Amino acid sequence: MRLTKNLAAGAVALAALVTLTGCGGSEDGGDAAADGGLSGLPKAETMVDVQKAVQERGEDCSPLESSREGHTYMKAEAEDPAWGIKERAVCFDRGGSSVTVLLIADMTKFQESLAKGGGSFTIGQNFALAGESEGFGANLNQAGLLTLSCNQGKRDGVPSGYEIHDSQVKGCFTTNYNA
């Protein structure tokens, strides 16, 4: 009888523990696999928030400018509602290379559009960064941001030990590797 009560109490405690921890979920209660690993990433309300998120991770993003002569990467896409981009800006990393900064209004639309042509960005929950220097994304991956890629060949090239999450859109994935 005592053994049955102890087993029952243990089962109730285990069920409560599994419910509280969310088994596989993130700290905010979301499921990292369901949202492509985005739930634990920083979120930005403004471009200044994106700039701060980058700088808090040891990279530079200044000066932040809404438009810059000669820097047209993602300019047409930012004006196309199909991409779900709220705002576009340009800044420069520690080495002086340009970085395109996108504040995303609808990450699913952004990924759907990216999936059509392929490409990769360093991302937070609702922003995307494309740096000209190769080390830019790698530095931010080491500091907790992810790479969003819609290129299957790059997925196959992610070494073992790095995280890979299916994205919100078929054909895309996120990883903590600079894919």
C-alpha atoms as a PDB file:
ATOM      1  CA  MET A   1       0.000   0.000   0.000  1.00  0.00           C
ATOM      2  CA  ARG A   2       2.761   2.432   0.970  1.00  0.00           C
ATOM      3  CA  LEU A   3       4.638   1.638  -2.266  1.00  0.00           C
ATOM      4  CA  THR A   4       1.520   2.366  -4.352  1.00  0.00           C
ATOM      5  CA  LYS A   5       1.058   5.753  -2.633  1.00  0.00           C
ATOM      6  CA  ASN A   6       4.719   6.648  -3.159  1.00  0.00           C
ATOM      7  CA  LEU A   7       4.544   5.653  -6.828  1.00  0.00           C
ATOM      8  CA  ALA A   8       1.346   7.667  -7.309  1.00  0.00           C
ATOM      9  CA  ALA A   9       2.871  10.705  -5.590  1.00  0.00           C
ATOM     10  CA  GLY A  10       6.006  10.369  -7.706  1.00  0.00           C
ATOM     11  CA  ALA A  11       3.958  10.148 -10.906  1.00  0.00           C
ATOM     12  CA  VAL A  12       2.015  13.303  -9.978  1.00  0.00           C
ATOM     13  CA  ALA A  13       5.258  15.147  -9.163  1.00  0.00           C
ATOM     14  CA  LEU A  14       6.847  14.030 -12.438  1.00  0.00           C
ATOM     15  CA  ALA A  15       3.781  15.123 -14.447  1.00  0.00           C
ATOM     16  CA  ALA A  16       3.832  18.530 -12.758  1.00  0.00           C
ATOM     17  CA  LEU A  17       7.546  18.916 -13.413  1.00  0.00           C
ATOM     18  CA  VAL A  18       7.170  18.063 -17.097  1.00  0.00           C
ATOM     19  CA  THR A  19       4.262  20.501 -17.398  1.00  0.00           C
ATOM     20  CA  LEU A  20       6.200  23.318 -15.723  1.00  0.00           C
ATOM     21  CA  THR A  21       9.393  22.851 -17.718  1.00  0.00           C
ATOM     22  CA  GLY A  22       7.597  22.583 -21.041  1.00  0.00           C
ATOM     23  CA  CYS A  23       9.848  19.715 -22.166  1.00  0.00           C
ATOM     24  CA  GLY A  24      11.626  21.109 -25.188  1.00  0.00           C
ATOM     25  CA  GLY A  25      10.108  24.568 -24.994  1.00  0.00           C
ATOM     26  CA  SER A  26      11.807  27.861 -24.420  1.00  0.00           C
ATOM     27  CA  GLU A  27      11.865  30.079 -21.350  1.00  0.00           C
ATOM     28  CA  ASP A  28       8.905  32.116 -22.582  1.00  0.00           C
ATOM     29  CA  GLY A  29       6.751  29.003 -22.963  1.00  0.00           C
ATOM     30  CA  GLY A  30       7.070  28.825 -26.767  1.00  0.00           C
ATOM     31  CA  ASP A  31       8.313  25.780 -28.574  1.00  0.00           C
ATOM     32  CA  ALA A  32      11.692  26.521 -30.155  1.00  0.00           C
ATOM     33  CA  ALA A  33      11.175  23.884 -32.838  1.00  0.00           C
ATOM     34  CA  ALA A  34       7.762  25.275 -33.848  1.00  0.00           C
ATOM     35  CA  ASP A  35       9.016  28.820 -34.346  1.00  0.00           C
ATOM     36  CA  GLY A  36      12.354  27.963 -35.934  1.00  0.00           C
ATOM     37  CA  GLY A  37      14.306  28.760 -32.771  1.00  0.00           C
ATOM     38  CA  LEU A  38      13.205  32.418 -32.729  1.00  0.00           C
ATOM     39  CA  SER A  39      11.578  32.500 -29.282  1.00  0.00           C
ATOM     40  CA  GLY A  40      14.827  32.947 -27.346  1.00  0.00           C
ATOM     41  CA  LEU A  41      16.204  35.686 -29.602  1.00  0.00           C
ATOM     42  CA  PRO A  42      16.141  39.431 -28.939  1.00  0.00           C
ATOM     43  CA  LYS A  43      13.204  41.426 -30.286  1.00  0.00           C
ATOM     44  CA  ALA A  44      13.301  45.058 -31.430  1.00  0.00           C
ATOM     45  CA  GLU A  45      10.614  47.725 -31.604  1.00  0.00           C
ATOM     46  CA  THR A  46      12.801  50.270 -33.406  1.00  0.00           C
ATOM     47  CA  MET A  47      15.999  50.439 -35.426  1.00  0.00           C
ATOM     48  CA  VAL A  48      17.781  51.784 -32.353  1.00  0.00           C
ATOM     49  CA  ASP A  49      16.744  48.593 -30.527  1.00  0.00           C
ATOM     50  CA  VAL A  50      18.309  46.519 -33.332  1.00  0.00           C
ATOM     51  CA  GLN A  51      21.480  48.615 -33.109  1.00  0.00           C
ATOM     52  CA  LYS A  52      21.622  48.070 -29.326  1.00  0.00           C
ATOM     53  CA  ALA A  53      21.093  44.302 -29.734  1.00  0.00           C
ATOM     54  CA  VAL A  54      24.034  44.164 -32.154  1.00  0.00           C
ATOM     55  CA  GLN A  55      26.277  46.331 -29.977  1.00  0.00           C
ATOM     56  CA  GLU A  56      25.416  44.368 -26.809  1.00  0.00           C
ATOM     57  CA  ARG A  57      26.793  41.325 -28.620  1.00  0.00           C
ATOM     58  CA  GLY A  58      30.183  42.901 -29.242  1.00  0.00           C
ATOM     59  CA  GLU A  59      29.712  44.112 -32.815  1.00  0.00           C
ATOM     60  CA  ASP A  60      29.314  47.665 -34.072  1.00  0.00           C
ATOM     61  CA  CYS A  61      26.409  49.077 -36.043  1.00  0.00           C
ATOM     62  CA  SER A  62      27.024  52.778 -36.466  1.00  0.00           C
ATOM     63  CA  PRO A  63      26.260  55.213 -37.760  1.00  0.00           C
ATOM     64  CA  LEU A  64      22.712  53.959 -38.313  1.00  0.00           C
ATOM     65  CA  GLU A  65      21.232  55.616 -41.388  1.00  0.00           C
ATOM     66  CA  SER A  66      17.849  55.085 -43.039  1.00  0.00           C
ATOM     67  CA  SER A  67      19.383  55.447 -46.491  1.00  0.00           C
ATOM     68  CA  ARG A  68      22.917  55.730 -47.720  1.00  0.00           C
ATOM     69  CA  GLU A  69      24.107  56.612 -51.188  1.00  0.00           C
ATOM     70  CA  GLY A  70      25.333  53.537 -53.033  1.00  0.00           C
ATOM     71  CA  HIS A  71      23.985  50.983 -50.529  1.00  0.00           C
ATOM     72  CA  THR A  72      20.959  49.472 -52.222  1.00  0.00           C
ATOM     73  CA  TYR A  73      20.968  45.866 -50.944  1.00  0.00           C
ATOM     74  CA  MET A  74      17.360  44.908 -50.048  1.00  0.00           C
ATOM     75  CA  LYS A  75      16.085  48.392 -50.894  1.00  0.00           C
ATOM     76  CA  ALA A  76      13.506  47.225 -53.460  1.00  0.00           C
ATOM     77  CA  GLU A  77      12.479  44.306 -51.235  1.00  0.00           C
ATOM     78  CA  ALA A  78      11.910  46.674 -48.295  1.00  0.00           C
ATOM     79  CA  GLU A  79       9.414  48.575 -50.420  1.00  0.00           C
ATOM     80  CA  ASP A  80       7.581  45.384 -51.497  1.00  0.00           C
ATOM     81  CA  PRO A  81       4.800  44.389 -49.026  1.00  0.00           C
ATOM     82  CA  ALA A  82       5.306  40.705 -49.928  1.00  0.00           C
ATOM     83  CA  TRP A  83       8.565  40.743 -47.947  1.00  0.00           C
ATOM     84  CA  GLY A  84       6.958  41.896 -44.663  1.00  0.00           C
ATOM     85  CA  ILE A  85       9.737  44.429 -43.990  1.00  0.00           C
ATOM     86  CA  LYS A  86       8.770  47.334 -41.747  1.00  0.00           C
ATOM     87  CA  GLU A  87      11.941  49.405 -42.118  1.00  0.00           C
ATOM     88  CA  ARG A  88      15.412  49.249 -43.715  1.00  0.00           C
ATOM     89  CA  ALA A  89      18.632  50.971 -42.636  1.00  0.00           C
ATOM     90  CA  VAL A  90      22.385  50.705 -43.119  1.00  0.00           C
ATOM     91  CA  CYS A  91      25.189  50.782 -40.555  1.00  0.00           C
ATOM     92  CA  PHE A  92      28.846  49.735 -40.425  1.00  0.00           C
ATOM     93  CA  ASP A  93      30.536  46.953 -38.466  1.00  0.00           C
ATOM     94  CA  ARG A  94      33.823  47.151 -36.503  1.00  0.00           C
ATOM     95  CA  GLY A  95      35.851  46.696 -39.672  1.00  0.00           C
ATOM     96  CA  GLY A  96      34.003  49.446 -41.539  1.00  0.00           C
ATOM     97  CA  SER A  97      32.008  47.110 -43.810  1.00  0.00           C
ATOM     98  CA  SER A  98      28.370  47.943 -44.457  1.00  0.00           C
ATOM     99  CA  VAL A  99      25.524  46.087 -42.801  1.00  0.00           C
ATOM    100  CA  THR A 100      21.948  46.111 -44.096  1.00  0.00           C
ATOM    101  CA  VAL A 101      19.516  46.212 -41.175  1.00  0.00           C
ATOM    102  CA  LEU A 102      15.900  45.132 -41.618  1.00  0.00           C
ATOM    103  CA  LEU A 103      13.145  45.513 -39.033  1.00  0.00           C
ATOM    104  CA  ILE A 104      10.623  42.816 -39.921  1.00  0.00           C
ATOM    105  CA  ALA A 105       6.861  43.302 -39.488  1.00  0.00           C
ATOM    106  CA  ASP A 106       5.992  39.745 -40.585  1.00  0.00           C
ATOM    107  CA  MET A 107       8.734  37.122 -40.258  1.00  0.00           C
ATOM    108  CA  THR A 108       6.690  34.471 -42.077  1.00  0.00           C
ATOM    109  CA  LYS A 109       6.292  36.705 -45.152  1.00  0.00           C
ATOM    110  CA  PHE A 110       9.993  37.540 -44.982  1.00  0.00           C
ATOM    111  CA  GLN A 111      10.918  33.846 -44.935  1.00  0.00           C
ATOM    112  CA  GLU A 112       8.458  32.969 -47.704  1.00  0.00           C
ATOM    113  CA  SER A 113       9.971  35.637 -49.956  1.00  0.00           C
ATOM    114  CA  LEU A 114      13.518  34.621 -49.040  1.00  0.00           C
ATOM    115  CA  ALA A 115      12.705  30.968 -49.758  1.00  0.00           C
ATOM    116  CA  LYS A 116      11.812  31.827 -53.356  1.00  0.00           C
ATOM    117  CA  GLY A 117      15.296  33.096 -54.158  1.00  0.00           C
ATOM    118  CA  GLY A 118      17.482  31.683 -51.419  1.00  0.00           C
ATOM    119  CA  GLY A 119      19.813  33.619 -49.185  1.00  0.00           C
ATOM    120  CA  SER A 120      20.937  33.989 -45.577  1.00  0.00           C
ATOM    121  CA  PHE A 121      20.602  36.599 -42.827  1.00  0.00           C
ATOM    122  CA  THR A 122      21.666  36.893 -39.212  1.00  0.00           C
ATOM    123  CA  ILE A 123      18.425  37.285 -37.268  1.00  0.00           C
ATOM    124  CA  GLY A 124      16.669  38.178 -34.055  1.00  0.00           C
ATOM    125  CA  GLN A 125      12.959  37.537 -33.474  1.00  0.00           C
ATOM    126  CA  ASN A 126      11.893  40.366 -35.770  1.00  0.00           C
ATOM    127  CA  PHE A 127      14.998  41.747 -37.412  1.00  0.00           C
ATOM    128  CA  ALA A 128      17.506  40.611 -40.007  1.00  0.00           C
ATOM    129  CA  LEU A 129      21.085  41.686 -40.689  1.00  0.00           C
ATOM    130  CA  ALA A 130      23.223  41.199 -43.772  1.00  0.00           C
ATOM    131  CA  GLY A 131      26.851  42.204 -43.352  1.00  0.00           C
ATOM    132  CA  GLU A 132      29.337  42.487 -46.185  1.00  0.00           C
ATOM    133  CA  SER A 133      32.197  41.087 -44.100  1.00  0.00           C
ATOM    134  CA  GLU A 134      32.259  37.328 -43.671  1.00  0.00           C
ATOM    135  CA  GLY A 135      33.009  37.491 -39.940  1.00  0.00           C
ATOM    136  CA  PHE A 136      30.032  39.711 -39.083  1.00  0.00           C
ATOM    137  CA  GLY A 137      27.445  36.919 -38.903  1.00  0.00           C
ATOM    138  CA  ALA A 138      29.842  34.467 -37.267  1.00  0.00           C
ATOM    139  CA  ASN A 139      30.593  36.909 -34.434  1.00  0.00           C
ATOM    140  CA  LEU A 140      26.875  37.429 -33.811  1.00  0.00           C
ATOM    141  CA  ASN A 141      26.154  33.687 -33.963  1.00  0.00           C
ATOM    142  CA  GLN A 142      28.728  33.165 -31.209  1.00  0.00           C
ATOM    143  CA  ALA A 143      26.973  35.915 -29.225  1.00  0.00           C
ATOM    144  CA  GLY A 144      23.520  34.309 -29.418  1.00  0.00           C
ATOM    145  CA  LEU A 145      21.874  35.368 -32.683  1.00  0.00           C
ATOM    146  CA  LEU A 146      20.944  32.820 -35.343  1.00  0.00           C
ATOM    147  CA  THR A 147      21.429  32.532 -39.065  1.00  0.00           C
ATOM    148  CA  LEU A 148      18.297  32.158 -41.167  1.00  0.00           C
ATOM    149  CA  SER A 149      19.085  30.417 -44.438  1.00  0.00           C
ATOM    150  CA  CYS A 150      16.881  29.307 -47.308  1.00  0.00           C
ATOM    151  CA  ASN A 151      19.610  27.385 -49.078  1.00  0.00           C
ATOM    152  CA  GLN A 152      19.498  23.595 -48.643  1.00  0.00           C
ATOM    153  CA  GLY A 153      23.154  23.244 -49.621  1.00  0.00           C
ATOM    154  CA  LYS A 154      24.114  25.391 -46.649  1.00  0.00           C
ATOM    155  CA  ARG A 155      22.005  23.235 -44.319  1.00  0.00           C
ATOM    156  CA  ASP A 156      23.916  20.178 -45.467  1.00  0.00           C
ATOM    157  CA  GLY A 157      27.168  22.037 -44.693  1.00  0.00           C
ATOM    158  CA  VAL A 158      26.391  22.748 -41.016  1.00  0.00           C
ATOM    159  CA  PRO A 159      28.885  20.721 -38.950  1.00  0.00           C
ATOM    160  CA  SER A 160      27.621  18.374 -36.251  1.00  0.00           C
ATOM    161  CA  GLY A 161      27.176  19.926 -32.839  1.00  0.00           C
ATOM    162  CA  TYR A 162      25.510  23.102 -34.098  1.00  0.00           C
ATOM    163  CA  GLU A 163      21.782  23.678 -33.630  1.00  0.00           C
ATOM    164  CA  ILE A 164      19.524  23.400 -36.661  1.00  0.00           C
ATOM    165  CA  HIS A 165      15.811  24.246 -36.476  1.00  0.00           C
ATOM    166  CA  ASP A 166      13.282  23.955 -39.264  1.00  0.00           C
ATOM    167  CA  SER A 167      12.060  27.427 -40.059  1.00  0.00           C
ATOM    168  CA  GLN A 168       8.484  28.675 -40.161  1.00  0.00           C
ATOM    169  CA  VAL A 169       8.637  28.171 -43.933  1.00  0.00           C
ATOM    170  CA  LYS A 170       9.485  24.997 -45.848  1.00  0.00           C
ATOM    171  CA  GLY A 171      12.952  25.194 -47.386  1.00  0.00           C
ATOM    172  CA  CYS A 172      14.424  27.492 -44.722  1.00  0.00           C
ATOM    173  CA  PHE A 173      16.184  26.753 -41.434  1.00  0.00           C
ATOM    174  CA  THR A 174      17.862  28.562 -38.549  1.00  0.00           C
ATOM    175  CA  THR A 175      21.184  27.646 -37.005  1.00  0.00           C
ATOM    176  CA  ASN A 176      23.758  29.007 -34.591  1.00  0.00           C
ATOM    177  CA  TYR A 177      26.353  28.297 -37.289  1.00  0.00           C
ATOM    178  CA  ASN A 178      27.193  31.049 -39.789  1.00  0.00           C
ATOM    179  CA  ALA A 179      25.654  29.162 -42.726  1.00  0.00           C
END
